[in-house]
Amino acid sequence: MKFRAEIDIMPHANLLDPQGKAVSSSMGNLGLSEITNVRIGKHIQLHVEAENKDVANAKVEEACKKLLCNQIVESFSFTLVEA
């Protein structure tokens, strides 16, 4: 079976996000002062071939933990759908 994973990786909420802070500061200059607390992360889409959804789920989680996400400063979440 083939599955598509949509992965979101974000900096931990208690850590400084310099890129998000810069974007937040710029919102006022664009006349969008009501937008605040911007956080910038990554969105990753990948395909995985596996026997079933549980195996695919385990493979995506392993990829996130070992390569895609630095768990010291980031957290991840993902959805998995049949492709």
Protein backbone atom coordinates (compact mmCIF):
# COMPACT_ATOMS: atom_id res chain seq x y z
CA MET A 1 0.00 0.00 0.00
CA LYS A 2 1.07 3.56 -0.65
CA PHE A 3 0.49 6.40 1.79
CA ARG A 4 1.08 10.16 1.76
CA ALA A 5 2.27 11.86 4.93
CA GLU A 6 1.81 15.56 5.65
CA ILE A 7 4.29 16.54 8.35
CA ASP A 8 4.37 19.82 10.29
CA ILE A 9 7.49 20.71 12.25
CA MET A 10 7.43 23.71 14.56
CA PRO A 11 9.82 25.22 17.10
CA HIS A 12 8.84 24.43 20.70
CA ALA A 13 6.44 27.05 22.04
CA ASN A 14 8.78 28.08 24.85
CA LEU A 15 11.71 28.78 22.50
CA LEU A 16 12.49 31.99 20.66
CA ASP A 17 11.58 31.91 16.97
CA PRO A 18 13.69 34.70 15.42
CA GLN A 19 12.18 34.27 11.95
CA GLY A 20 8.64 34.38 13.35
CA LYS A 21 9.52 37.40 15.50
CA ALA A 22 10.85 39.27 12.44
CA VAL A 23 7.67 38.51 10.48
CA SER A 24 5.50 39.53 13.45
CA SER A 25 7.35 42.85 13.67
CA SER A 26 6.84 43.49 9.96
CA MET A 27 3.07 42.96 10.10
CA GLY A 28 2.52 46.47 11.50
CA ASN A 29 4.44 48.00 8.59
CA LEU A 30 2.07 46.23 6.21
CA GLY A 31 -1.04 47.52 7.96
CA LEU A 32 -1.67 44.12 9.56
CA SER A 33 -1.05 45.02 13.20
CA GLU A 34 -3.81 42.66 14.34
CA ILE A 35 -1.59 39.69 13.33
CA THR A 36 0.82 38.79 16.13
CA ASN A 37 2.83 35.90 17.53
CA VAL A 38 3.84 34.46 14.17
CA ARG A 39 5.71 31.14 14.42
CA ILE A 40 7.55 29.78 11.39
CA GLY A 41 8.08 26.06 10.86
CA LYS A 42 8.37 23.49 8.08
CA HIS A 43 5.81 21.49 6.15
CA ILE A 44 7.03 18.26 4.56
CA GLN A 45 5.09 15.92 2.29
CA LEU A 46 6.37 12.43 1.55
CA HIS A 47 5.16 9.09 0.24
CA VAL A 48 5.76 5.78 1.95
CA GLU A 49 5.07 2.25 0.80
CA ALA A 50 4.14 -0.16 3.59
CA GLU A 51 2.11 -3.29 4.34
CA ASN A 52 -0.54 -1.30 6.23
CA LYS A 53 -1.25 2.05 7.87
CA ASP A 54 0.30 1.08 11.21
CA VAL A 55 3.61 0.19 9.57
CA ALA A 56 3.53 3.38 7.48
CA ASN A 57 2.80 5.41 10.61
CA ALA A 58 5.80 3.87 12.39
CA LYS A 59 8.09 4.57 9.41
CA VAL A 60 7.04 8.23 9.19
CA GLU A 61 7.49 8.68 12.93
CA GLU A 62 10.94 7.12 12.72
CA ALA A 63 11.91 9.44 9.83
CA CYS A 64 10.75 12.45 11.83
CA LYS A 65 12.65 11.43 14.95
CA LYS A 66 15.87 10.40 13.18
CA LEU A 67 16.17 12.96 10.39
CA LEU A 68 13.42 15.50 9.77
CA CYS A 69 12.96 17.00 13.23
CA ASN A 70 15.49 18.23 15.79
CA GLN A 71 13.50 17.21 18.87
CA ILE A 72 15.64 19.38 21.15
CA VAL A 73 14.15 22.56 19.66
CA GLU A 74 11.25 21.32 17.48
CA SER A 75 8.13 19.19 17.71
CA PHE A 76 6.31 17.40 14.91
CA SER A 77 2.87 16.15 14.02
CA PHE A 78 1.65 14.38 10.90
CA THR A 79 -1.33 12.94 9.12
CA LEU A 80 -1.23 9.86 6.97
CA VAL A 81 -3.65 9.09 4.14
CA GLU A 82 -3.76 6.35 1.55
CA ALA A 83 -2.31 7.58 -1.72
